[in-house]
Amino acid sequence: MSVSYVVKKETKRCFDEGMKADLFTREKIETLLGGKCYQSTITEDTKKHVDFWWDAPNGKRYGVDVKDSRKNKRTDSDKDYSITWLEIQNVSGKPGWIYGEEDYIVFKTDSKLLFVKREQLAYFAETKYNEYINSGKELVFDTPKECYIPYQRAKWGRKDIAFKAYIKDLEGISHFYVNYITDEVVTFNNKSIAK
């Protein structure tokens, strides 16, 4: 089996799982928060990192980027619901998806949809990245076991920089979340939701 075939198969699997998470999130938004969701264009998705648009009951339109649950490393058989990956720089060396034009990045866990404002997430990720680099440490090129260690797949010809983050830390910066098991919407620190 060629490397090219394996990469294509893995890319398709990731795309299919991502589409399922997108559709699931849209349905939960419309059912529990109200409003209507609309598919973004291919350019909006690939350049602005907007998976879909949400016309919320408050009359505003929000760009949403959904991140499905992730594995600790690609070779793991199961997802790890305690972590996610944050992309500082993409595979071409351009700004990662945390610098897109989406309003909310929604992280799907085993029971919740965490709605994090993009600016808040970018600030959080930049802070963690800078703390690491300013401590004199360098990027690593093998998947790290720990969170908040910048990782690059240079040996595969990739220019990306990403690191694992704890979901519990993202809960702390979430604007609100939807528990899709109980259909409960939870806000933090008296923040109003887009509803």
N, C-alpha and C. Protein backbone atom coordinates (compact mmCIF):
# COMPACT_ATOMS: atom_id res chain seq x y z
N MET A 1 0.85 -1.17 0.00
CA MET A 1 0.00 0.00 0.00
C MET A 1 0.90 1.24 0.00
N SER A 2 0.66 2.17 -0.91
CA SER A 2 1.52 3.35 -1.03
C SER A 2 1.20 4.37 0.06
N VAL A 3 2.18 5.23 0.36
CA VAL A 3 1.99 6.30 1.33
C VAL A 3 0.90 7.24 0.84
N SER A 4 0.88 7.52 -0.46
CA SER A 4 -0.12 8.41 -1.04
C SER A 4 -1.53 7.89 -0.79
N TYR A 5 -1.73 6.57 -0.96
CA TYR A 5 -3.04 5.97 -0.73
C TYR A 5 -3.45 6.12 0.73
N VAL A 6 -2.53 5.87 1.64
CA VAL A 6 -2.82 5.97 3.07
C VAL A 6 -3.19 7.40 3.45
N VAL A 7 -2.44 8.37 2.92
CA VAL A 7 -2.71 9.78 3.21
C VAL A 7 -4.09 10.17 2.68
N LYS A 8 -4.41 9.76 1.46
CA LYS A 8 -5.72 10.08 0.88
C LYS A 8 -6.84 9.45 1.70
N LYS A 9 -6.65 8.22 2.12
CA LYS A 9 -7.66 7.52 2.91
C LYS A 9 -7.87 8.22 4.26
N GLU A 10 -6.78 8.61 4.91
CA GLU A 10 -6.87 9.30 6.20
C GLU A 10 -7.52 10.68 6.03
N THR A 11 -7.18 11.38 4.95
CA THR A 11 -7.77 12.69 4.68
C THR A 11 -9.28 12.56 4.49
N LYS A 12 -9.71 11.55 3.74
CA LYS A 12 -11.14 11.33 3.52
C LYS A 12 -11.84 10.99 4.84
N ARG A 13 -11.23 10.15 5.66
CA ARG A 13 -11.82 9.79 6.95
C ARG A 13 -12.01 11.03 7.82
N CYS A 14 -10.99 11.88 7.88
CA CYS A 14 -11.06 13.11 8.69
C CYS A 14 -12.16 14.03 8.15
N PHE A 15 -12.24 14.16 6.82
CA PHE A 15 -13.25 15.01 6.20
C PHE A 15 -14.65 14.49 6.54
N ASP A 16 -14.87 13.17 6.39
CA ASP A 16 -16.18 12.59 6.68
C ASP A 16 -16.58 12.78 8.14
N GLU A 17 -15.65 12.56 9.06
CA GLU A 17 -15.95 12.77 10.48
C GLU A 17 -16.25 14.22 10.77
N GLY A 18 -15.49 15.12 10.14
CA GLY A 18 -15.74 16.55 10.32
C GLY A 18 -17.11 16.96 9.83
N MET A 19 -17.53 16.43 8.69
CA MET A 19 -18.86 16.75 8.16
C MET A 19 -19.96 16.26 9.09
N LYS A 20 -19.78 15.09 9.68
CA LYS A 20 -20.77 14.58 10.64
C LYS A 20 -20.87 15.52 11.84
N ALA A 21 -19.73 15.99 12.34
CA ALA A 21 -19.71 16.90 13.48
C ALA A 21 -20.38 18.23 13.11
N ASP A 22 -20.11 18.72 11.89
CA ASP A 22 -20.74 19.96 11.43
C ASP A 22 -22.26 19.83 11.41
N LEU A 23 -22.76 18.77 10.79
CA LEU A 23 -24.21 18.57 10.69
C LEU A 23 -24.84 18.41 12.06
N PHE A 24 -24.18 17.66 12.93
CA PHE A 24 -24.67 17.47 14.30
C PHE A 24 -24.76 18.81 15.02
N THR A 25 -23.72 19.63 14.88
CA THR A 25 -23.69 20.94 15.56
C THR A 25 -24.77 21.86 15.02
N ARG A 26 -24.96 21.88 13.71
CA ARG A 26 -26.02 22.71 13.12
C ARG A 26 -27.38 22.34 13.68
N GLU A 27 -27.64 21.03 13.73
CA GLU A 27 -28.93 20.56 14.22
C GLU A 27 -29.15 20.98 15.67
N LYS A 28 -28.11 20.87 16.50
CA LYS A 28 -28.23 21.25 17.91
C LYS A 28 -28.40 22.76 18.06
N ILE A 29 -27.70 23.54 17.25
CA ILE A 29 -27.87 25.00 17.30
C ILE A 29 -29.31 25.37 16.97
N GLU A 30 -29.82 24.85 15.85
CA GLU A 30 -31.18 25.22 15.44
C GLU A 30 -32.21 24.75 16.45
N THR A 31 -32.04 23.56 17.00
CA THR A 31 -33.01 23.00 17.93
C THR A 31 -32.95 23.66 19.30
N LEU A 32 -31.75 23.86 19.84
CA LEU A 32 -31.62 24.33 21.22
C LEU A 32 -31.41 25.84 21.36
N LEU A 33 -30.81 26.46 20.33
CA LEU A 33 -30.53 27.89 20.42
C LEU A 33 -31.43 28.73 19.52
N GLY A 34 -31.98 28.12 18.50
CA GLY A 34 -32.85 28.83 17.57
C GLY A 34 -32.08 29.40 16.40
N GLY A 35 -32.82 29.99 15.49
CA GLY A 35 -32.20 30.54 14.30
C GLY A 35 -32.07 29.49 13.23
N LYS A 36 -31.27 29.82 12.22
CA LYS A 36 -31.09 28.94 11.06
C LYS A 36 -29.63 28.92 10.67
N CYS A 37 -29.14 27.74 10.27
CA CYS A 37 -27.75 27.58 9.83
C CYS A 37 -27.70 27.36 8.33
N TYR A 38 -26.67 27.93 7.69
CA TYR A 38 -26.50 27.85 6.25
C TYR A 38 -25.07 27.44 5.91
N GLN A 39 -24.93 26.59 4.92
CA GLN A 39 -23.62 26.12 4.46
C GLN A 39 -22.78 27.28 3.96
N SER A 40 -21.51 27.32 4.31
CA SER A 40 -20.60 28.31 3.76
C SER A 40 -20.16 27.88 2.37
N THR A 41 -19.57 28.80 1.64
CA THR A 41 -19.02 28.45 0.33
C THR A 41 -17.68 27.74 0.55
N ILE A 42 -17.16 27.14 -0.48
CA ILE A 42 -15.86 26.46 -0.39
C ILE A 42 -14.77 27.46 -0.01
N THR A 43 -14.82 28.66 -0.60
CA THR A 43 -13.83 29.69 -0.27
C THR A 43 -13.95 30.13 1.18
N GLU A 44 -15.18 30.34 1.65
CA GLU A 44 -15.38 30.74 3.06
C GLU A 44 -14.86 29.66 4.00
N ASP A 45 -15.06 28.40 3.62
CA ASP A 45 -14.60 27.29 4.46
C ASP A 45 -13.08 27.20 4.45
N THR A 46 -12.46 27.23 3.28
CA THR A 46 -11.02 27.00 3.20
C THR A 46 -10.18 28.24 3.51
N LYS A 47 -10.69 29.43 3.22
CA LYS A 47 -9.91 30.66 3.44
C LYS A 47 -10.28 31.37 4.74
N LYS A 48 -11.57 31.38 5.07
CA LYS A 48 -12.02 32.10 6.27
C LYS A 48 -12.22 31.16 7.46
N HIS A 49 -12.21 29.86 7.22
CA HIS A 49 -12.43 28.84 8.24
C HIS A 49 -13.83 28.90 8.84
N VAL A 50 -14.80 29.21 7.99
CA VAL A 50 -16.20 29.22 8.40
C VAL A 50 -16.85 27.98 7.79
N ASP A 51 -17.22 27.02 8.65
CA ASP A 51 -17.89 25.81 8.17
C ASP A 51 -19.33 26.10 7.76
N PHE A 52 -19.99 26.96 8.56
CA PHE A 52 -21.36 27.35 8.25
C PHE A 52 -21.67 28.67 8.94
N TRP A 53 -22.76 29.29 8.49
CA TRP A 53 -23.23 30.56 9.06
C TRP A 53 -24.46 30.28 9.91
N TRP A 54 -24.54 30.96 11.04
CA TRP A 54 -25.69 30.83 11.93
C TRP A 54 -26.38 32.18 12.01
N ASP A 55 -27.61 32.24 11.48
CA ASP A 55 -28.44 33.42 11.66
C ASP A 55 -29.19 33.23 12.97
N ALA A 56 -28.68 33.89 14.03
CA ALA A 56 -29.18 33.69 15.38
C ALA A 56 -30.47 34.48 15.63
N PRO A 57 -31.22 34.08 16.65
CA PRO A 57 -32.46 34.79 16.97
C PRO A 57 -32.26 36.27 17.32
N ASN A 58 -31.04 36.67 17.69
CA ASN A 58 -30.78 38.08 18.00
C ASN A 58 -30.60 38.93 16.75
N GLY A 59 -30.75 38.32 15.56
CA GLY A 59 -30.65 39.06 14.30
C GLY A 59 -29.26 39.13 13.73
N LYS A 60 -28.28 38.59 14.41
CA LYS A 60 -26.91 38.63 13.93
C LYS A 60 -26.55 37.33 13.21
N ARG A 61 -25.58 37.43 12.31
CA ARG A 61 -25.06 36.26 11.60
C ARG A 61 -23.67 35.97 12.14
N TYR A 62 -23.45 34.71 12.55
CA TYR A 62 -22.17 34.29 13.11
C TYR A 62 -21.54 33.22 12.23
N GLY A 63 -20.24 33.36 11.98
CA GLY A 63 -19.49 32.31 11.31
C GLY A 63 -19.05 31.29 12.34
N VAL A 64 -19.24 30.01 12.03
CA VAL A 64 -18.95 28.93 12.97
C VAL A 64 -17.98 27.93 12.33
N ASP A 65 -16.95 27.57 13.09
CA ASP A 65 -15.99 26.54 12.69
C ASP A 65 -16.07 25.43 13.73
N VAL A 66 -16.37 24.22 13.31
CA VAL A 66 -16.55 23.10 14.23
C VAL A 66 -15.30 22.23 14.25
N LYS A 67 -14.86 21.88 15.46
CA LYS A 67 -13.73 20.98 15.65
C LYS A 67 -14.25 19.75 16.38
N ASP A 68 -14.22 18.63 15.68
CA ASP A 68 -14.67 17.37 16.26
C ASP A 68 -13.67 16.90 17.31
N SER A 69 -14.06 15.97 18.12
CA SER A 69 -13.16 15.37 19.11
C SER A 69 -11.95 14.81 18.38
N ARG A 70 -10.81 14.85 19.03
CA ARG A 70 -9.55 14.46 18.38
C ARG A 70 -8.88 13.30 19.09
N LYS A 71 -7.99 12.68 18.35
CA LYS A 71 -7.13 11.65 18.94
C LYS A 71 -5.90 12.32 19.54
N ASN A 72 -5.29 11.66 20.50
CA ASN A 72 -4.06 12.17 21.09
C ASN A 72 -2.96 12.22 20.03
N LYS A 73 -2.91 11.17 19.21
CA LYS A 73 -2.04 11.14 18.04
C LYS A 73 -2.75 10.32 16.97
N ARG A 74 -2.39 10.53 15.73
CA ARG A 74 -3.11 9.93 14.61
C ARG A 74 -3.20 8.40 14.67
N THR A 75 -2.19 7.77 15.22
CA THR A 75 -2.16 6.31 15.23
C THR A 75 -3.03 5.70 16.34
N ASP A 76 -3.55 6.53 17.24
CA ASP A 76 -4.44 6.01 18.29
C ASP A 76 -5.74 5.51 17.67
N SER A 77 -6.32 4.49 18.26
CA SER A 77 -7.57 3.97 17.72
C SER A 77 -8.78 4.74 18.24
N ASP A 78 -8.68 5.32 19.42
CA ASP A 78 -9.82 6.02 20.02
C ASP A 78 -9.56 7.51 20.19
N LYS A 79 -10.63 8.26 20.22
CA LYS A 79 -10.52 9.69 20.49
C LYS A 79 -10.21 9.91 21.96
N ASP A 80 -9.58 11.03 22.24
CA ASP A 80 -9.28 11.43 23.62
C ASP A 80 -10.10 12.68 23.90
N TYR A 81 -11.18 12.53 24.67
CA TYR A 81 -12.10 13.63 24.91
C TYR A 81 -11.56 14.66 25.90
N SER A 82 -10.38 14.43 26.44
CA SER A 82 -9.81 15.39 27.39
C SER A 82 -8.91 16.42 26.70
N ILE A 83 -8.62 16.23 25.41
CA ILE A 83 -7.72 17.15 24.69
C ILE A 83 -8.31 17.53 23.33
N THR A 84 -7.70 18.55 22.74
CA THR A 84 -7.94 18.90 21.34
C THR A 84 -6.63 19.46 20.80
N TRP A 85 -6.58 19.70 19.52
CA TRP A 85 -5.39 20.29 18.89
C TRP A 85 -5.73 21.70 18.43
N LEU A 86 -4.82 22.65 18.65
CA LEU A 86 -4.97 24.03 18.19
C LEU A 86 -3.90 24.31 17.15
N GLU A 87 -4.29 24.88 16.01
CA GLU A 87 -3.38 25.14 14.91
C GLU A 87 -2.98 26.61 14.87
N ILE A 88 -1.71 26.87 15.17
CA ILE A 88 -1.16 28.23 15.14
C ILE A 88 -0.78 28.60 13.70
N GLN A 89 -0.22 27.63 12.98
CA GLN A 89 0.27 27.85 11.62
C GLN A 89 -0.15 26.64 10.79
N ASN A 90 -0.63 26.89 9.55
CA ASN A 90 -1.11 25.75 8.75
C ASN A 90 0.03 25.06 8.00
N VAL A 91 -0.30 24.03 7.25
CA VAL A 91 0.72 23.21 6.59
C VAL A 91 1.53 23.97 5.55
N SER A 92 1.01 25.11 5.09
CA SER A 92 1.74 25.94 4.11
C SER A 92 2.56 27.03 4.79
N GLY A 93 2.50 27.09 6.13
CA GLY A 93 3.22 28.12 6.85
C GLY A 93 2.44 29.41 7.04
N LYS A 94 1.18 29.41 6.63
CA LYS A 94 0.31 30.58 6.80
C LYS A 94 -0.40 30.50 8.15
N PRO A 95 -1.03 31.61 8.59
CA PRO A 95 -1.73 31.57 9.87
C PRO A 95 -2.73 30.42 9.94
N GLY A 96 -2.77 29.74 11.09
CA GLY A 96 -3.65 28.59 11.29
C GLY A 96 -5.10 29.00 11.45
N TRP A 97 -5.96 27.99 11.63
CA TRP A 97 -7.40 28.25 11.69
C TRP A 97 -7.81 29.10 12.89
N ILE A 98 -6.98 29.22 13.91
CA ILE A 98 -7.37 30.09 15.04
C ILE A 98 -7.36 31.56 14.61
N TYR A 99 -6.82 31.86 13.43
CA TYR A 99 -6.79 33.23 12.91
C TYR A 99 -7.76 33.42 11.75
N GLY A 100 -8.77 32.56 11.66
CA GLY A 100 -9.75 32.69 10.59
C GLY A 100 -10.71 33.84 10.85
N GLU A 101 -11.78 33.87 10.09
CA GLU A 101 -12.78 34.93 10.22
C GLU A 101 -14.05 34.44 10.89
N GLU A 102 -13.99 33.25 11.50
CA GLU A 102 -15.14 32.74 12.20
C GLU A 102 -15.35 33.53 13.50
N ASP A 103 -16.61 33.57 13.96
CA ASP A 103 -16.92 34.22 15.24
C ASP A 103 -16.75 33.24 16.38
N TYR A 104 -17.27 32.02 16.16
CA TYR A 104 -17.18 30.97 17.17
C TYR A 104 -16.44 29.76 16.62
N ILE A 105 -15.60 29.19 17.45
CA ILE A 105 -15.05 27.87 17.18
C ILE A 105 -15.72 26.95 18.18
N VAL A 106 -16.38 25.92 17.67
CA VAL A 106 -17.15 25.01 18.52
C VAL A 106 -16.38 23.70 18.62
N PHE A 107 -16.04 23.33 19.85
CA PHE A 107 -15.34 22.08 20.11
C PHE A 107 -16.35 21.04 20.57
N LYS A 108 -16.42 19.92 19.84
CA LYS A 108 -17.34 18.83 20.20
C LYS A 108 -16.61 17.85 21.10
N THR A 109 -17.18 17.62 22.28
CA THR A 109 -16.63 16.64 23.21
C THR A 109 -17.58 15.45 23.25
N ASP A 110 -17.41 14.59 24.23
CA ASP A 110 -18.29 13.43 24.35
C ASP A 110 -19.69 13.79 24.84
N SER A 111 -19.89 15.02 25.35
CA SER A 111 -21.21 15.42 25.84
C SER A 111 -21.55 16.88 25.59
N LYS A 112 -20.59 17.67 25.14
CA LYS A 112 -20.81 19.11 25.02
C LYS A 112 -20.36 19.66 23.68
N LEU A 113 -20.92 20.82 23.37
CA LEU A 113 -20.45 21.66 22.29
C LEU A 113 -19.99 22.95 22.96
N LEU A 114 -18.67 23.17 23.01
CA LEU A 114 -18.11 24.35 23.65
C LEU A 114 -18.00 25.47 22.61
N PHE A 115 -18.64 26.60 22.86
CA PHE A 115 -18.60 27.75 21.97
C PHE A 115 -17.55 28.73 22.49
N VAL A 116 -16.44 28.82 21.76
CA VAL A 116 -15.34 29.71 22.15
C VAL A 116 -15.22 30.80 21.10
N LYS A 117 -15.17 32.05 21.56
CA LYS A 117 -14.98 33.14 20.61
C LYS A 117 -13.57 33.05 20.03
N ARG A 118 -13.47 33.24 18.72
CA ARG A 118 -12.19 33.07 18.04
C ARG A 118 -11.10 33.95 18.62
N GLU A 119 -11.40 35.22 18.91
CA GLU A 119 -10.38 36.12 19.45
C GLU A 119 -9.87 35.63 20.80
N GLN A 120 -10.77 35.12 21.62
CA GLN A 120 -10.39 34.60 22.93
C GLN A 120 -9.49 33.37 22.78
N LEU A 121 -9.83 32.51 21.84
CA LEU A 121 -9.02 31.31 21.61
C LEU A 121 -7.64 31.68 21.07
N ALA A 122 -7.58 32.64 20.15
CA ALA A 122 -6.30 33.06 19.59
C ALA A 122 -5.40 33.63 20.70
N TYR A 123 -5.97 34.44 21.57
CA TYR A 123 -5.20 35.01 22.68
C TYR A 123 -4.68 33.89 23.60
N PHE A 124 -5.54 32.95 23.91
CA PHE A 124 -5.18 31.81 24.77
C PHE A 124 -4.03 31.02 24.13
N ALA A 125 -4.17 30.70 22.84
CA ALA A 125 -3.16 29.89 22.14
C ALA A 125 -1.84 30.64 22.03
N GLU A 126 -1.90 31.92 21.68
CA GLU A 126 -0.68 32.72 21.58
C GLU A 126 0.05 32.79 22.92
N THR A 127 -0.71 32.95 23.99
CA THR A 127 -0.11 33.01 25.33
C THR A 127 0.60 31.71 25.66
N LYS A 128 -0.05 30.58 25.42
CA LYS A 128 0.57 29.28 25.70
C LYS A 128 1.81 29.06 24.83
N TYR A 129 1.72 29.41 23.55
CA TYR A 129 2.84 29.25 22.63
C TYR A 129 4.02 30.12 23.07
N ASN A 130 3.76 31.38 23.35
CA ASN A 130 4.82 32.30 23.74
C ASN A 130 5.47 31.91 25.07
N GLU A 131 4.67 31.43 26.01
CA GLU A 131 5.23 30.95 27.28
C GLU A 131 6.24 29.84 27.03
N TYR A 132 5.90 28.93 26.14
CA TYR A 132 6.78 27.80 25.83
C TYR A 132 8.06 28.28 25.14
N ILE A 133 7.91 29.05 24.07
CA ILE A 133 9.06 29.51 23.29
C ILE A 133 9.95 30.44 24.12
N ASN A 134 9.35 31.34 24.90
CA ASN A 134 10.12 32.28 25.71
C ASN A 134 10.86 31.61 26.86
N SER A 135 10.50 30.37 27.16
CA SER A 135 11.22 29.63 28.21
C SER A 135 12.51 29.00 27.66
N GLY A 136 12.78 29.23 26.37
CA GLY A 136 13.99 28.72 25.75
C GLY A 136 13.83 27.36 25.10
N LYS A 137 12.62 26.84 25.13
CA LYS A 137 12.37 25.53 24.51
C LYS A 137 12.07 25.71 23.03
N GLU A 138 12.24 24.63 22.27
CA GLU A 138 12.03 24.67 20.83
C GLU A 138 10.88 23.77 20.42
N LEU A 139 10.46 23.94 19.17
CA LEU A 139 9.44 23.06 18.60
C LEU A 139 9.91 21.62 18.69
N VAL A 140 8.95 20.70 18.77
CA VAL A 140 9.29 19.28 18.71
C VAL A 140 8.76 18.73 17.38
N PHE A 141 9.35 17.62 16.93
CA PHE A 141 9.00 17.08 15.63
C PHE A 141 8.39 15.67 15.72
N ASP A 142 8.20 15.19 16.93
CA ASP A 142 7.47 13.95 17.18
C ASP A 142 6.28 14.31 18.07
N THR A 143 5.16 13.65 17.86
CA THR A 143 3.96 13.97 18.62
C THR A 143 4.25 13.97 20.12
N PRO A 144 4.07 15.11 20.78
CA PRO A 144 4.35 15.17 22.22
C PRO A 144 3.27 14.47 23.03
N LYS A 145 3.64 13.95 24.17
CA LYS A 145 2.66 13.34 25.08
C LYS A 145 1.91 14.41 25.85
N GLU A 146 2.60 15.49 26.20
CA GLU A 146 2.02 16.53 27.03
C GLU A 146 1.32 17.60 26.18
N CYS A 147 0.48 18.37 26.85
CA CYS A 147 -0.19 19.50 26.20
C CYS A 147 0.72 20.72 26.20
N TYR A 148 0.42 21.64 25.32
CA TYR A 148 1.07 22.95 25.20
C TYR A 148 2.54 22.88 24.79
N ILE A 149 2.89 21.84 24.04
CA ILE A 149 4.23 21.74 23.46
C ILE A 149 4.06 21.87 21.94
N PRO A 150 4.55 22.97 21.37
CA PRO A 150 4.39 23.18 19.92
C PRO A 150 5.06 22.08 19.11
N TYR A 151 4.32 21.58 18.15
CA TYR A 151 4.70 20.41 17.34
C TYR A 151 4.62 20.79 15.87
N GLN A 152 5.61 20.36 15.11
CA GLN A 152 5.63 20.60 13.67
C GLN A 152 5.94 19.30 12.93
N ARG A 153 5.25 19.06 11.83
CA ARG A 153 5.46 17.85 11.04
C ARG A 153 6.43 18.11 9.90
N ALA A 154 7.56 18.71 10.23
CA ALA A 154 8.57 19.08 9.21
C ALA A 154 9.10 17.86 8.47
N LYS A 155 9.22 16.73 9.16
CA LYS A 155 9.75 15.54 8.48
C LYS A 155 8.82 15.04 7.39
N TRP A 156 7.58 15.52 7.39
CA TRP A 156 6.62 15.17 6.34
C TRP A 156 6.49 16.31 5.33
N GLY A 157 7.35 17.31 5.45
CA GLY A 157 7.31 18.45 4.54
C GLY A 157 6.25 19.47 4.89
N ARG A 158 5.77 19.42 6.12
CA ARG A 158 4.71 20.33 6.57
C ARG A 158 5.31 21.49 7.35
N LYS A 159 4.70 22.66 7.23
CA LYS A 159 5.15 23.85 7.96
C LYS A 159 4.22 24.20 9.11
N ASP A 160 3.29 23.29 9.42
CA ASP A 160 2.31 23.58 10.45
C ASP A 160 2.93 23.64 11.85
N ILE A 161 2.29 24.39 12.72
CA ILE A 161 2.63 24.41 14.14
C ILE A 161 1.32 24.27 14.89
N ALA A 162 1.25 23.23 15.69
CA ALA A 162 0.04 22.96 16.46
C ALA A 162 0.45 22.44 17.83
N PHE A 163 -0.49 22.49 18.76
CA PHE A 163 -0.24 21.86 20.05
C PHE A 163 -1.55 21.37 20.64
N LYS A 164 -1.43 20.39 21.53
CA LYS A 164 -2.59 19.87 22.23
C LYS A 164 -2.95 20.82 23.35
N ALA A 165 -4.26 20.96 23.60
CA ALA A 165 -4.76 21.75 24.71
C ALA A 165 -5.79 20.92 25.46
N TYR A 166 -5.86 21.15 26.77
CA TYR A 166 -6.86 20.46 27.57
C TYR A 166 -8.25 21.07 27.33
N ILE A 167 -9.23 20.20 27.11
CA ILE A 167 -10.61 20.66 26.95
C ILE A 167 -11.05 21.44 28.18
N LYS A 168 -10.64 21.02 29.38
CA LYS A 168 -11.06 21.74 30.60
C LYS A 168 -10.57 23.19 30.57
N ASP A 169 -9.40 23.44 29.96
CA ASP A 169 -8.92 24.81 29.83
C ASP A 169 -9.77 25.60 28.85
N LEU A 170 -10.24 24.95 27.79
CA LEU A 170 -11.11 25.63 26.82
C LEU A 170 -12.49 25.88 27.41
N GLU A 171 -12.93 25.01 28.31
CA GLU A 171 -14.18 25.28 29.02
C GLU A 171 -14.07 26.59 29.78
N GLY A 172 -12.88 26.86 30.34
CA GLY A 172 -12.66 28.07 31.11
C GLY A 172 -12.73 29.35 30.30
N ILE A 173 -12.52 29.26 28.99
CA ILE A 173 -12.60 30.46 28.14
C ILE A 173 -13.82 30.42 27.23
N SER A 174 -14.66 29.40 27.38
CA SER A 174 -15.86 29.27 26.55
C SER A 174 -16.83 30.41 26.83
N HIS A 175 -17.49 30.84 25.79
CA HIS A 175 -18.55 31.84 25.93
C HIS A 175 -19.78 31.18 26.54
N PHE A 176 -20.09 29.99 26.03
CA PHE A 176 -21.16 29.16 26.58
C PHE A 176 -20.98 27.76 26.02
N TYR A 177 -21.76 26.82 26.54
CA TYR A 177 -21.75 25.48 25.95
C TYR A 177 -23.13 24.87 25.96
N VAL A 178 -23.30 23.90 25.09
CA VAL A 178 -24.53 23.12 25.01
C VAL A 178 -24.19 21.70 25.44
N ASN A 179 -24.88 21.22 26.46
CA ASN A 179 -24.76 19.82 26.83
C ASN A 179 -25.79 19.09 25.96
N TYR A 180 -25.30 18.35 24.96
CA TYR A 180 -26.24 17.74 24.03
C TYR A 180 -26.81 16.41 24.54
N ILE A 181 -26.39 15.98 25.71
CA ILE A 181 -27.01 14.81 26.34
C ILE A 181 -28.29 15.24 27.07
N THR A 182 -28.18 16.38 27.80
CA THR A 182 -29.32 16.88 28.59
C THR A 182 -30.07 18.02 27.89
N ASP A 183 -29.57 18.48 26.75
CA ASP A 183 -30.14 19.63 26.02
C ASP A 183 -30.12 20.91 26.86
N GLU A 184 -29.12 21.06 27.70
CA GLU A 184 -28.98 22.22 28.56
C GLU A 184 -27.98 23.20 27.93
N VAL A 185 -28.31 24.50 27.99
CA VAL A 185 -27.41 25.55 27.54
C VAL A 185 -26.86 26.23 28.79
N VAL A 186 -25.53 26.30 28.90
CA VAL A 186 -24.89 26.85 30.09
C VAL A 186 -24.01 28.03 29.69
N THR A 187 -24.20 29.17 30.36
CA THR A 187 -23.37 30.34 30.12
C THR A 187 -22.43 30.51 31.31
N PHE A 188 -21.35 31.27 31.11
CA PHE A 188 -20.36 31.49 32.15
C PHE A 188 -20.28 32.97 32.50
N ASN A 189 -20.10 33.26 33.77
CA ASN A 189 -19.87 34.62 34.25
C ASN A 189 -20.90 35.61 33.72
N ASN A 190 -22.15 35.20 33.71
CA ASN A 190 -23.26 36.05 33.27
C ASN A 190 -23.08 36.56 31.84
N LYS A 191 -22.37 35.82 30.99
CA LYS A 191 -22.23 36.20 29.59
C LYS A 191 -23.54 35.90 28.89
N SER A 192 -23.96 36.79 28.02
CA SER A 192 -25.17 36.49 27.26
C SER A 192 -24.77 35.68 26.04
N ILE A 193 -25.62 34.76 25.66
CA ILE A 193 -25.33 33.98 24.47
C ILE A 193 -25.94 34.66 23.26
N ALA A 194 -25.62 34.18 22.10
CA ALA A 194 -26.04 34.81 20.86
C ALA A 194 -27.54 34.67 20.61
N LYS A 195 -28.21 33.92 21.45
CA LYS A 195 -29.61 33.61 21.27
C LYS A 195 -30.47 34.85 21.20
